């Protein structure tokens, strides 16, 4: 049974497995996932999927009970299915990101994309409606420019939050309907 077959298991199949069978398939997924992590380490690359997996540590089945094995199965499966879990996929995502940003007038070298997007990710969850708005490009460019100037990452995030807040407030002012005293449905 191959990794692709195991990745196709639905939750019902996994939940019906005996511990020994689940340990076997989870071990296969864990081995494949750990190999990908090792390749990232050797290449000196850090993708969002790699960063998330590293927070929880290496994939393993050792000493786990049935429920812990189920959780590890899901963690390994989700990692392996992630868009940025392999170096090849990560390279494609970085290239696409660079092209998208260039189309918006933002020029960031491919090798800096991961760090810029990591810092941007710390801010974007607070302003979900501005992620793909007109404020996106200036914020990303500002993050990159501050990185190049050697500004502390926490300060960069604070400055980006401030810029996002200003963009949000400006957008709300534009949407305010002065005739009715409320938000316009025009936009």
Foldseek 3Di string as FASTA:
>chain_A
DDLVVLLPDDPVRLVPDDPVVLQVNLVRLLVVLVVQLVVCVVVVHDAPLSVVDPVVHRQHDPPDDSVVSSVSSVSSSCSVPDQCSHPVSVLVVLVVVQVVLVVLVAHDDSVCVRVLVVLVVVQCVVPVVCCPPNLPNVLSNQLRVVVVVVDDSVVSSVVSNVSSVVVVVVVQVVQQDPVVRGGHPPD
